[in-house]
């Protein structure tokens, strides 16, 4: 998944070096992904490396039981970089993603302070 788009995105969108957005990625295997399940651990490692090559940080990656097959928690320098990664991941055809943008308690408190 590493390509020039990822490098360019990192350079363009990494404006605030100290600020990272947090995201929770919920993933479901596609029919293609489950047919090639024996290679899933290697694909996950490759995906994590591609995520980190784009200036992102993987906090945790888990195989889970229930509605989703994987859950990942990560940080990205911007929404644009995160979306670039997710579009690339989805285009491979092995997983479909649902993404949740996450806020710390401190960030949530600052948001609430702005309420009228």
C-alpha atoms as a PDB file:
ATOM      1  CA  UNK A   1       0.000   0.000   0.000  1.00  0.00           C
ATOM      2  CA  UNK A   2       2.959   2.355   0.267  1.00  0.00           C
ATOM      3  CA  UNK A   3       2.907   4.728  -2.662  1.00  0.00           C
ATOM      4  CA  UNK A   4       3.722   8.268  -3.649  1.00  0.00           C
ATOM      5  CA  UNK A   5       0.249   9.472  -2.631  1.00  0.00           C
ATOM      6  CA  UNK A   6       0.979   8.498   0.973  1.00  0.00           C
ATOM      7  CA  UNK A   7       4.292  10.353   0.985  1.00  0.00           C
ATOM      8  CA  UNK A   8       2.747  13.446  -0.597  1.00  0.00           C
ATOM      9  CA  UNK A   9      -0.182  13.386   1.848  1.00  0.00           C
ATOM     10  CA  UNK A  10       2.203  13.184   4.764  1.00  0.00           C
ATOM     11  CA  UNK A  11       4.159  16.199   3.532  1.00  0.00           C
ATOM     12  CA  UNK A  12       1.093  18.282   2.681  1.00  0.00           C
ATOM     13  CA  UNK A  13      -1.139  17.548   5.643  1.00  0.00           C
ATOM     14  CA  UNK A  14       1.308  17.264   8.516  1.00  0.00           C
ATOM     15  CA  UNK A  15       1.014  20.943   9.359  1.00  0.00           C
ATOM     16  CA  UNK A  16       0.702  20.634  13.119  1.00  0.00           C
ATOM     17  CA  UNK A  17       3.412  18.164  14.115  1.00  0.00           C
ATOM     18  CA  UNK A  18       2.148  17.749  17.678  1.00  0.00           C
ATOM     19  CA  UNK A  19      -1.531  17.291  16.865  1.00  0.00           C
ATOM     20  CA  UNK A  20      -2.832  13.894  15.892  1.00  0.00           C
ATOM     21  CA  UNK A  21      -6.433  12.885  15.416  1.00  0.00           C
ATOM     22  CA  UNK A  22      -7.489   9.582  16.957  1.00  0.00           C
ATOM     23  CA  UNK A  23      -9.568   7.068  15.113  1.00  0.00           C
ATOM     24  CA  UNK A  24     -11.123   3.735  15.921  1.00  0.00           C
ATOM     25  CA  UNK A  25     -11.277   1.542  12.834  1.00  0.00           C
ATOM     26  CA  UNK A  26     -13.855  -1.235  12.783  1.00  0.00           C
ATOM     27  CA  UNK A  27     -13.176  -3.785  10.053  1.00  0.00           C
ATOM     28  CA  UNK A  28     -15.122  -6.662   8.542  1.00  0.00           C
ATOM     29  CA  UNK A  29     -13.546  -9.239   6.283  1.00  0.00           C
ATOM     30  CA  UNK A  30     -14.933  -9.392   2.765  1.00  0.00           C
ATOM     31  CA  UNK A  31     -15.504 -12.666   0.944  1.00  0.00           C
ATOM     32  CA  UNK A  32     -12.086 -12.179  -0.660  1.00  0.00           C
ATOM     33  CA  UNK A  33     -10.490 -11.535   2.727  1.00  0.00           C
ATOM     34  CA  UNK A  34     -11.927 -14.651   4.369  1.00  0.00           C
ATOM     35  CA  UNK A  35     -10.969 -16.864   1.419  1.00  0.00           C
ATOM     36  CA  UNK A  36      -7.344 -15.826   1.954  1.00  0.00           C
ATOM     37  CA  UNK A  37      -7.485 -15.868   5.777  1.00  0.00           C
ATOM     38  CA  UNK A  38      -4.182 -17.716   6.117  1.00  0.00           C
ATOM     39  CA  UNK A  39      -2.401 -14.608   4.823  1.00  0.00           C
ATOM     40  CA  UNK A  40      -4.399 -12.209   7.015  1.00  0.00           C
ATOM     41  CA  UNK A  41      -1.684 -11.800   9.698  1.00  0.00           C
ATOM     42  CA  UNK A  42       0.849 -10.783   7.039  1.00  0.00           C
ATOM     43  CA  UNK A  43      -1.665  -8.409   5.439  1.00  0.00           C
ATOM     44  CA  UNK A  44      -2.331  -6.838   8.848  1.00  0.00           C
ATOM     45  CA  UNK A  45       1.398  -6.279   9.421  1.00  0.00           C
ATOM     46  CA  UNK A  46       1.776  -4.786   5.949  1.00  0.00           C
ATOM     47  CA  UNK A  47      -1.212  -2.495   6.595  1.00  0.00           C
ATOM     48  CA  UNK A  48       0.224  -1.313   9.913  1.00  0.00           C
ATOM     49  CA  UNK A  49       3.567  -0.530   8.249  1.00  0.00           C
ATOM     50  CA  UNK A  50       1.788   1.408   5.468  1.00  0.00           C
ATOM     51  CA  UNK A  51      -0.245   3.329   8.093  1.00  0.00           C
ATOM     52  CA  UNK A  52       2.915   4.287   9.960  1.00  0.00           C
ATOM     53  CA  UNK A  53       4.758   5.191   6.727  1.00  0.00           C
ATOM     54  CA  UNK A  54       2.064   7.844   6.168  1.00  0.00           C
ATOM     55  CA  UNK A  55       2.990   9.561   9.419  1.00  0.00           C
ATOM     56  CA  UNK A  56       0.334   7.783  11.471  1.00  0.00           C
ATOM     57  CA  UNK A  57       0.724   5.830  14.709  1.00  0.00           C
ATOM     58  CA  UNK A  58      -0.916   2.477  15.413  1.00  0.00           C
ATOM     59  CA  UNK A  59      -1.895   2.286  19.088  1.00  0.00           C
ATOM     60  CA  UNK A  60      -3.428  -1.179  18.877  1.00  0.00           C
ATOM     61  CA  UNK A  61      -4.694  -3.741  16.379  1.00  0.00           C
ATOM     62  CA  UNK A  62      -6.972  -6.552  17.540  1.00  0.00           C
ATOM     63  CA  UNK A  63      -8.721  -9.545  16.020  1.00  0.00           C
ATOM     64  CA  UNK A  64     -12.096  -9.669  17.755  1.00  0.00           C
ATOM     65  CA  UNK A  65     -15.189 -11.809  18.130  1.00  0.00           C
ATOM     66  CA  UNK A  66     -18.584 -10.356  17.313  1.00  0.00           C
ATOM     67  CA  UNK A  67     -19.924  -8.125  14.579  1.00  0.00           C
ATOM     68  CA  UNK A  68     -16.463  -6.999  13.461  1.00  0.00           C
ATOM     69  CA  UNK A  69     -13.376  -9.052  12.664  1.00  0.00           C
ATOM     70  CA  UNK A  70     -10.737  -6.460  13.553  1.00  0.00           C
ATOM     71  CA  UNK A  71     -10.554  -3.291  15.617  1.00  0.00           C
ATOM     72  CA  UNK A  72      -7.668  -0.869  15.316  1.00  0.00           C
ATOM     73  CA  UNK A  73      -6.955   2.283  17.275  1.00  0.00           C
ATOM     74  CA  UNK A  74      -4.650   4.767  15.645  1.00  0.00           C
ATOM     75  CA  UNK A  75      -3.617   8.369  15.291  1.00  0.00           C
ATOM     76  CA  UNK A  76      -3.215  10.311  12.070  1.00  0.00           C
ATOM     77  CA  UNK A  77      -1.884  13.795  11.366  1.00  0.00           C
ATOM     78  CA  UNK A  78      -5.128  14.779   9.581  1.00  0.00           C
ATOM     79  CA  UNK A  79      -8.477  13.543   8.345  1.00  0.00           C
ATOM     80  CA  UNK A  80      -7.099  13.691   4.805  1.00  0.00           C
ATOM     81  CA  UNK A  81      -4.199  11.355   5.579  1.00  0.00           C
ATOM     82  CA  UNK A  82      -6.533   8.960   7.392  1.00  0.00           C
ATOM     83  CA  UNK A  83      -8.974   8.950   4.486  1.00  0.00           C
ATOM     84  CA  UNK A  84      -6.159   8.335   1.987  1.00  0.00           C
ATOM     85  CA  UNK A  85      -5.064   5.308   3.998  1.00  0.00           C
ATOM     86  CA  UNK A  86      -8.614   3.969   4.352  1.00  0.00           C
ATOM     87  CA  UNK A  87      -9.368   4.351   0.648  1.00  0.00           C
ATOM     88  CA  UNK A  88      -6.175   2.479  -0.190  1.00  0.00           C
ATOM     89  CA  UNK A  89      -6.988  -0.235   2.330  1.00  0.00           C
ATOM     90  CA  UNK A  90     -10.521  -0.634   1.030  1.00  0.00           C
ATOM     91  CA  UNK A  91      -9.355  -0.754  -2.578  1.00  0.00           C
ATOM     92  CA  UNK A  92      -7.410  -3.943  -1.812  1.00  0.00           C
ATOM     93  CA  UNK A  93     -10.753  -5.681  -1.264  1.00  0.00           C
ATOM     94  CA  UNK A  94      -9.983  -7.681   1.892  1.00  0.00           C
ATOM     95  CA  UNK A  95     -11.841  -5.575   4.486  1.00  0.00           C
ATOM     96  CA  UNK A  96     -14.590  -2.979   4.694  1.00  0.00           C
ATOM     97  CA  UNK A  97     -14.151  -0.286   7.309  1.00  0.00           C
ATOM     98  CA  UNK A  98     -16.249   1.847   9.616  1.00  0.00           C
ATOM     99  CA  UNK A  99     -14.324   4.720  11.160  1.00  0.00           C
ATOM    100  CA  UNK A 100     -15.010   6.537  14.420  1.00  0.00           C
ATOM    101  CA  UNK A 101     -13.211   9.767  15.244  1.00  0.00           C
ATOM    102  CA  UNK A 102     -12.318   9.660  18.946  1.00  0.00           C
ATOM    103  CA  UNK A 103     -11.771  12.428  21.500  1.00  0.00           C
ATOM    104  CA  UNK A 104      -9.991  12.255  24.843  1.00  0.00           C
ATOM    105  CA  UNK A 105     -11.847  13.297  28.001  1.00  0.00           C
ATOM    106  CA  UNK A 106      -9.837  16.536  27.983  1.00  0.00           C
ATOM    107  CA  UNK A 107     -10.792  17.311  24.375  1.00  0.00           C
ATOM    108  CA  UNK A 108     -14.417  16.460  25.130  1.00  0.00           C
ATOM    109  CA  UNK A 109     -14.360  18.837  28.134  1.00  0.00           C
ATOM    110  CA  UNK A 110     -13.069  21.666  25.904  1.00  0.00           C
ATOM    111  CA  UNK A 111     -15.845  21.020  23.400  1.00  0.00           C
ATOM    112  CA  UNK A 112     -18.493  21.050  26.135  1.00  0.00           C
ATOM    113  CA  UNK A 113     -17.134  24.369  27.473  1.00  0.00           C
ATOM    114  CA  UNK A 114     -18.056  25.965  24.144  1.00  0.00           C
ATOM    115  CA  UNK A 115     -21.741  25.158  24.549  1.00  0.00           C
ATOM    116  CA  UNK A 116     -23.984  28.170  25.117  1.00  0.00           C
END
